[in-house]
Amino acid sequence: MLKFAAVGLDHTHIFDHVEGLLAAGAEFAGYCPQTSVPALLEKFRAAYPEARPLDRDAIFADPSIDVICIAAIPRDRAGLAIRAMEAGKDVMVDKPGVTTFAQLDEVKRTVERTRRIFSVCFSERLRVRSAVLAGKLVADGAIGRVVQTVGLGPHRKQLHTRPDWFFDLDAYGGIINDIASHQIDQFLFYTGSQTAEVVASSVGNFGTPQSAEFQDFGEVLLRSDKASGYIRVDWFTPDGLPTWGDGRLTILGTEGYIELRKYIDIAGREGKDHLFLVDHSGTRHIDCSNEPIEYFAAFAKDVRDRTETAVPQRHVFEVCRLALEAQAKAAVIAGSQSGRTS
């Protein structure tokens, strides 16, 4: 049976990794309790009371552990992943997997040298049931050839819950590299693009003047040989919305379009995972709440069989590269409070 451990309990996405691998039949060997967010650690202990806290060095040294899940401070994720791969383990990393080009280069070299898996869990596609079904509909030709995606990733700040590193540009890597990596992943996946170019990008700090290095707005325009994509990410979700963000994706095809209301249909239907399909025969709403999540079982299979069925390694690296490039090239919008871009 596949065994995994968790290292870097600094972001709530670690719960996604653990829950997903447990559902895939893997055994939870334990976790390193080091964290920058004590409240998250307490929540983790409450969720998994039977899980063992383990010394970090012991986790890396244990030959029985096959996979290490990492949701550390973003700037630390690549280093932990490299250490894990050099110890003979495959890794599942929260996004962003890297925060610098130097980290990306070193991760690539480590993967090449060790033949280990470096998988970034792009949860807004891989753990969203409507996004999973959208991929199947696109593959089946439901909307013809995809020519554009528009991905929106709004978030709520909840400043009182955030650790210091949340406002440190070097630590979180910039809003585009951090959040928009989700939408870059979606653009490449739904358009069937192997690569793309960053046509334009910009960032700003419009509502958080007390933190000069924080970026609360970012946008990117992508272009590939197959399609174009527009991305907007922000930290402006108002308190009146009953969820953390109104994430949306529109996939435009030559024969129709798909719109996802991932987390809420505002003033509409209850629940989440709403998919709207418009084609020549009419309009449909599809409730995707029962669509199976496939990523974690596929990842476990990849670990056993040394395959790439969950997310191809090349795709992971290209998303990381584009996110870093868009962040580095981003113009600061005049009138905002933002300082450095990277």
Protein backbone atom coordinates (compact mmCIF):
# COMPACT_ATOMS: atom_id res chain seq x y z
CA MET A 1 0.00 0.00 0.00
CA LEU A 2 1.21 3.48 -0.86
CA LYS A 3 2.29 5.45 2.22
CA PHE A 4 2.48 9.22 2.44
CA ALA A 5 3.42 11.90 4.93
CA ALA A 6 2.76 15.64 5.15
CA VAL A 7 5.48 18.26 5.51
CA GLY A 8 4.82 22.00 5.61
CA LEU A 9 1.50 22.67 7.31
CA ASP A 10 1.36 26.34 6.35
CA HIS A 11 -1.65 26.38 3.99
CA THR A 12 -5.07 24.75 4.25
CA HIS A 13 -4.57 23.00 0.92
CA ILE A 14 -2.70 20.33 2.88
CA PHE A 15 -6.15 19.04 3.85
CA ASP A 16 -6.94 18.52 0.15
CA HIS A 17 -3.84 16.39 -0.30
CA VAL A 18 -4.43 14.23 2.76
CA GLU A 19 -8.15 13.73 2.13
CA GLY A 20 -7.56 12.95 -1.54
CA LEU A 21 -4.83 10.38 -0.95
CA LEU A 22 -6.78 8.72 1.85
CA ALA A 23 -9.78 8.44 -0.47
CA ALA A 24 -7.46 6.87 -3.06
CA GLY A 25 -6.60 4.13 -0.58
CA ALA A 26 -3.19 5.38 0.56
CA GLU A 27 -1.94 5.08 4.15
CA PHE A 28 -1.21 8.26 6.12
CA ALA A 29 2.14 7.65 7.84
CA GLY A 30 2.18 10.96 9.75
CA TYR A 31 3.08 14.62 9.57
CA CYS A 32 5.71 17.13 10.60
CA PRO A 33 4.06 19.59 13.03
CA GLN A 34 6.30 22.55 12.09
CA THR A 35 4.05 25.40 10.96
CA SER A 36 3.81 29.18 10.67
CA VAL A 37 0.06 28.97 11.34
CA PRO A 38 -0.60 27.42 14.77
CA ALA A 39 -4.38 27.53 14.27
CA LEU A 40 -4.01 25.41 11.13
CA LEU A 41 -1.99 22.83 13.05
CA GLU A 42 -4.69 22.60 15.70
CA LYS A 43 -7.33 22.16 13.03
CA PHE A 44 -5.20 19.48 11.38
CA ARG A 45 -4.79 17.58 14.64
CA ALA A 46 -8.54 17.71 15.21
CA ALA A 47 -9.23 16.42 11.69
CA TYR A 48 -6.72 13.56 11.93
CA PRO A 49 -6.45 12.62 15.62
CA GLU A 50 -4.96 9.22 14.81
CA ALA A 51 -2.18 10.65 12.64
CA ARG A 52 1.30 10.63 14.17
CA PRO A 53 3.41 13.79 14.51
CA LEU A 54 6.87 12.89 13.23
CA ASP A 55 10.29 14.50 13.17
CA ARG A 56 10.92 16.08 9.77
CA ASP A 57 14.28 14.39 9.30
CA ALA A 58 12.73 11.04 10.18
CA ILE A 59 10.07 11.50 7.49
CA PHE A 60 12.65 12.09 4.78
CA ALA A 61 14.80 9.19 6.02
CA ASP A 62 11.98 6.63 6.25
CA PRO A 63 12.27 4.32 3.21
CA SER A 64 8.70 3.07 3.69
CA ILE A 65 7.21 6.48 2.88
CA ASP A 66 6.55 6.77 -0.84
CA VAL A 67 5.07 10.27 -1.14
CA ILE A 68 5.48 13.55 0.69
CA CYS A 69 2.75 16.19 0.49
CA ILE A 70 3.97 19.77 0.82
CA ALA A 71 2.00 22.94 1.60
CA ALA A 72 4.77 24.95 3.21
CA ILE A 73 5.43 28.68 2.85
CA PRO A 74 5.62 29.07 -0.96
CA ARG A 75 9.32 30.01 -1.10
CA ASP A 76 10.18 26.82 0.85
CA ARG A 77 8.20 24.35 -1.24
CA ALA A 78 10.78 23.73 -3.95
CA GLY A 79 13.56 23.09 -1.43
CA LEU A 80 11.47 20.58 0.47
CA ALA A 81 10.39 18.90 -2.76
CA ILE A 82 14.00 18.60 -3.90
CA ARG A 83 15.01 17.09 -0.58
CA ALA A 84 12.14 14.61 -0.80
CA MET A 85 12.95 13.57 -4.36
CA GLU A 86 16.62 13.13 -3.49
CA ALA A 87 15.45 10.84 -0.70
CA GLY A 88 13.67 8.69 -3.27
CA LYS A 89 10.14 9.99 -2.73
CA ASP A 90 7.55 11.41 -5.09
CA VAL A 91 5.98 14.72 -4.12
CA MET A 92 2.61 16.42 -4.26
CA VAL A 93 3.07 20.17 -3.81
CA ASP A 94 0.56 22.93 -3.26
CA LYS A 95 0.62 25.73 -5.80
CA PRO A 96 2.82 27.63 -6.45
CA GLY A 97 5.35 24.84 -6.62
CA VAL A 98 8.19 27.33 -7.09
CA THR A 99 8.67 31.06 -6.57
CA THR A 100 11.83 31.72 -8.65
CA PHE A 101 13.28 30.62 -11.97
CA ALA A 102 16.32 29.26 -10.12
CA GLN A 103 14.04 27.00 -8.08
CA LEU A 104 12.30 25.79 -11.23
CA ASP A 105 15.62 24.95 -12.88
CA GLU A 106 16.79 23.02 -9.82
CA VAL A 107 13.51 21.11 -9.56
CA LYS A 108 13.79 20.16 -13.24
CA ARG A 109 17.34 18.92 -12.74
CA THR A 110 16.29 16.94 -9.69
CA VAL A 111 13.40 15.28 -11.53
CA GLU A 112 15.74 14.40 -14.38
CA ARG A 113 18.35 13.01 -12.01
CA THR A 114 16.10 11.11 -9.62
CA ARG A 115 13.21 10.18 -11.97
CA ARG A 116 10.79 11.16 -9.19
CA ILE A 117 7.37 12.80 -9.70
CA PHE A 118 6.98 16.51 -8.95
CA SER A 119 3.22 17.07 -9.07
CA VAL A 120 1.60 20.41 -8.29
CA CYS A 121 -2.00 19.99 -7.16
CA PHE A 122 -3.79 22.71 -9.14
CA SER A 123 -6.87 22.32 -6.99
CA GLU A 124 -9.13 24.74 -8.89
CA ARG A 125 -9.18 22.24 -11.75
CA LEU A 126 -8.18 18.93 -10.22
CA ARG A 127 -10.41 19.16 -7.12
CA VAL A 128 -13.38 21.01 -8.62
CA ARG A 129 -16.04 18.64 -9.91
CA SER A 130 -17.45 21.07 -12.46
CA ALA A 131 -13.95 21.59 -13.86
CA VAL A 132 -13.48 17.83 -14.17
CA LEU A 133 -16.72 17.45 -16.12
CA ALA A 134 -15.86 20.46 -18.28
CA GLY A 135 -12.68 18.69 -19.34
CA LYS A 136 -14.68 15.65 -20.42
CA LEU A 137 -17.18 17.77 -22.35
CA VAL A 138 -14.38 19.62 -24.15
CA ALA A 139 -12.64 16.34 -24.99
CA ASP A 140 -15.92 15.00 -26.40
CA GLY A 141 -16.25 18.03 -28.71
CA ALA A 142 -19.33 19.44 -26.96
CA ILE A 143 -18.39 23.02 -27.83
CA GLY A 144 -16.19 22.43 -30.87
CA ARG A 145 -12.66 23.75 -30.92
CA VAL A 146 -11.72 25.83 -27.88
CA VAL A 147 -10.48 29.27 -28.89
CA GLN A 148 -10.37 31.17 -25.59
CA THR A 149 -10.63 30.81 -21.83
CA VAL A 150 -11.48 33.54 -19.33
CA GLY A 151 -10.50 32.55 -15.82
CA LEU A 152 -11.42 34.59 -12.75
CA GLY A 153 -9.93 33.82 -9.35
CA PRO A 154 -11.21 36.20 -6.68
CA HIS A 155 -10.32 35.56 -3.03
CA ARG A 156 -11.21 37.00 0.37
CA LYS A 157 -8.32 38.56 2.32
CA GLN A 158 -9.31 37.67 5.89
CA LEU A 159 -6.29 39.65 7.04
CA HIS A 160 -6.67 38.74 10.70
CA THR A 161 -6.03 35.07 9.89
CA ARG A 162 -2.95 35.60 7.72
CA PRO A 163 0.64 34.90 8.84
CA ASP A 164 3.40 37.46 8.25
CA TRP A 165 4.71 35.69 5.15
CA PHE A 166 1.39 36.30 3.40
CA PHE A 167 2.48 39.94 2.92
CA ASP A 168 6.13 39.24 2.05
CA LEU A 169 6.60 39.25 -1.74
CA ASP A 170 9.65 36.99 -1.63
CA ALA A 171 7.75 34.50 0.52
CA TYR A 172 4.49 34.22 -1.43
CA GLY A 173 5.91 34.92 -4.88
CA GLY A 174 3.44 37.54 -6.13
CA ILE A 175 -0.28 37.29 -6.84
CA ILE A 176 0.13 36.00 -10.40
CA ASN A 177 2.60 33.26 -9.53
CA ASP A 178 0.58 32.31 -6.46
CA ILE A 179 -3.05 32.41 -7.53
CA ALA A 180 -3.03 32.71 -11.33
CA SER A 181 -1.07 29.49 -11.70
CA HIS A 182 -4.51 27.87 -11.38
CA GLN A 183 -5.88 29.74 -14.38
CA ILE A 184 -2.71 29.18 -16.42
CA ASP A 185 -3.08 25.46 -15.78
CA GLN A 186 -6.68 25.64 -16.95
CA PHE A 187 -5.81 27.58 -20.09
CA LEU A 188 -3.23 25.03 -21.21
CA PHE A 189 -5.46 22.07 -20.32
CA TYR A 190 -8.74 23.16 -21.90
CA THR A 191 -7.16 24.59 -25.05
CA GLY A 192 -4.87 21.59 -25.53
CA SER A 193 -1.82 23.86 -25.63
CA GLN A 194 1.65 22.51 -24.91
CA THR A 195 3.08 25.99 -24.39
CA ALA A 196 2.09 29.65 -24.57
CA GLU A 197 3.47 33.16 -24.44
CA VAL A 198 2.74 35.91 -21.96
CA VAL A 199 1.41 38.77 -24.08
CA ALA A 200 0.84 41.13 -21.17
CA SER A 201 0.49 41.11 -17.40
CA SER A 202 -0.04 43.63 -14.63
CA VAL A 203 -0.39 43.81 -10.87
CA GLY A 204 -1.55 46.34 -8.33
CA ASN A 205 -2.17 47.02 -4.68
CA PHE A 206 -5.40 49.01 -4.52
CA GLY A 207 -6.85 48.09 -1.15
CA THR A 208 -3.97 47.09 1.14
CA PRO A 209 -1.79 50.21 1.49
CA GLN A 210 -0.50 49.10 4.91
CA SER A 211 1.43 46.28 3.19
CA ALA A 212 3.52 47.74 0.39
CA GLU A 213 4.68 44.38 -1.00
CA PHE A 214 1.23 42.82 -1.10
CA GLN A 215 -0.53 42.56 -4.45
CA ASP A 216 -4.32 42.39 -4.36
CA PHE A 217 -4.90 42.50 -8.13
CA GLY A 218 -3.31 40.73 -11.07
CA GLU A 219 -4.15 40.02 -14.70
CA VAL A 220 -2.56 38.08 -17.54
CA LEU A 221 -3.13 37.76 -21.29
CA LEU A 222 -1.88 34.48 -22.76
CA ARG A 223 -1.59 33.31 -26.35
CA SER A 224 -0.72 29.90 -27.79
CA ASP A 225 -0.78 28.48 -31.30
CA LYS A 226 -4.30 27.24 -30.53
CA ALA A 227 -6.09 29.89 -28.46
CA SER A 228 -5.92 32.95 -26.24
CA GLY A 229 -6.67 33.36 -22.56
CA TYR A 230 -7.45 36.15 -20.13
CA ILE A 231 -6.91 35.80 -16.38
CA ARG A 232 -7.91 38.05 -13.49
CA VAL A 233 -7.09 37.28 -9.87
CA ASP A 234 -7.75 39.47 -6.85
CA TRP A 235 -8.28 39.73 -3.10
CA PHE A 236 -11.50 41.75 -3.24
CA THR A 237 -14.19 39.20 -2.37
CA PRO A 238 -16.58 41.14 -0.08
CA ASP A 239 -17.72 39.78 3.26
CA GLY A 240 -21.28 39.52 1.96
CA LEU A 241 -20.43 36.57 -0.28
CA PRO A 242 -21.08 33.33 1.64
CA THR A 243 -17.90 31.64 0.36
CA TRP A 244 -14.25 32.61 -0.02
CA GLY A 245 -14.46 33.55 -3.71
CA ASP A 246 -16.70 33.53 -6.76
CA GLY A 247 -14.36 31.51 -8.98
CA ARG A 248 -15.47 31.36 -12.59
CA LEU A 249 -14.25 29.97 -15.87
CA THR A 250 -15.63 30.52 -19.35
CA ILE A 251 -14.47 28.20 -22.14
CA LEU A 252 -15.33 29.54 -25.58
CA GLY A 253 -15.59 27.09 -28.44
CA THR A 254 -16.49 27.29 -32.11
CA GLU A 255 -19.77 25.45 -31.47
CA GLY A 256 -20.75 26.78 -28.05
CA TYR A 257 -19.38 27.70 -24.65
CA ILE A 258 -19.17 26.46 -21.10
CA GLU A 259 -19.30 28.60 -17.98
CA LEU A 260 -18.37 27.28 -14.58
CA ARG A 261 -19.60 28.84 -11.34
CA LYS A 262 -17.26 26.77 -9.23
CA TYR A 263 -18.11 27.74 -5.68
CA ILE A 264 -21.40 29.62 -5.78
CA ASP A 265 -24.18 30.59 -8.18
CA ILE A 266 -24.81 34.06 -6.80
CA ALA A 267 -28.51 34.72 -6.11
CA GLY A 268 -29.21 31.44 -7.92
CA ARG A 269 -29.06 27.73 -7.19
CA GLU A 270 -27.79 26.38 -3.89
CA GLY A 271 -24.46 24.65 -3.55
CA LYS A 272 -21.41 24.74 -5.79
CA ASP A 273 -20.04 23.10 -8.95
CA HIS A 274 -22.50 24.65 -11.38
CA LEU A 275 -21.78 24.09 -15.08
CA PHE A 276 -23.67 25.94 -17.82
CA LEU A 277 -23.47 24.60 -21.35
CA VAL A 278 -24.67 26.61 -24.33
CA ASP A 279 -24.68 25.05 -27.80
CA HIS A 280 -26.78 25.05 -30.97
CA SER A 281 -29.53 23.02 -29.33
CA GLY A 282 -30.07 25.35 -26.37
CA THR A 283 -28.85 26.03 -22.85
CA ARG A 284 -28.36 23.60 -19.98
CA HIS A 285 -27.42 23.73 -16.33
CA ILE A 286 -25.55 20.66 -15.10
CA ASP A 287 -25.17 19.87 -11.41
CA CYS A 288 -21.68 18.41 -11.09
CA SER A 289 -21.80 17.64 -7.37
CA ASN A 290 -21.52 13.89 -8.00
CA GLU A 291 -18.74 14.06 -10.59
CA PRO A 292 -15.82 11.93 -9.32
CA ILE A 293 -12.46 13.50 -8.51
CA GLU A 294 -9.83 11.50 -10.38
CA TYR A 295 -6.52 13.24 -9.72
CA PHE A 296 -5.52 11.53 -6.48
CA ALA A 297 -6.22 7.99 -7.64
CA ALA A 298 -4.39 8.74 -10.88
CA PHE A 299 -1.43 10.17 -8.94
CA ALA A 300 -1.28 7.06 -6.77
CA LYS A 301 -1.31 4.93 -9.92
CA ASP A 302 1.51 7.02 -11.36
CA VAL A 303 3.56 6.44 -8.22
CA ARG A 304 3.05 2.68 -8.51
CA ASP A 305 3.43 2.37 -12.28
CA ARG A 306 5.85 5.26 -12.99
CA THR A 307 3.41 6.81 -15.46
CA GLU A 308 2.03 10.35 -16.01
CA THR A 309 -1.74 9.94 -16.06
CA ALA A 310 -2.64 12.53 -13.36
CA VAL A 311 -0.79 15.57 -14.70
CA PRO A 312 2.06 15.29 -17.21
CA GLN A 313 5.37 16.52 -15.80
CA ARG A 314 5.91 18.76 -18.80
CA HIS A 315 2.58 20.46 -18.14
CA VAL A 316 3.50 21.16 -14.51
CA PHE A 317 6.79 22.74 -15.51
CA GLU A 318 5.17 24.86 -18.24
CA VAL A 319 2.55 26.22 -15.84
CA CYS A 320 5.31 27.12 -13.39
CA ARG A 321 7.36 28.80 -16.12
CA LEU A 322 4.47 30.86 -17.45
CA ALA A 323 3.41 31.94 -13.97
CA LEU A 324 6.94 33.07 -13.14
CA GLU A 325 7.28 34.89 -16.46
CA ALA A 326 3.92 36.65 -16.13
CA GLN A 327 4.84 37.71 -12.60
CA ALA A 328 8.28 38.96 -13.64
CA LYS A 329 6.94 40.91 -16.64
CA ALA A 330 3.97 42.42 -14.80
CA ALA A 331 3.58 46.16 -15.04
CA VAL A 332 2.49 47.93 -11.86
CA ILE A 333 -0.76 49.76 -12.51
CA ALA A 334 -0.38 53.46 -11.91
CA GLY A 335 -2.31 54.67 -8.90
CA SER A 336 -1.95 51.46 -6.94
CA GLN A 337 0.24 51.06 -3.86
CA SER A 338 2.21 48.08 -5.15
CA GLY A 339 6.00 48.12 -5.18
CA ARG A 340 8.15 45.31 -6.58
CA THR A 341 6.62 42.78 -8.94
CA SER A 342 9.02 39.97 -8.07
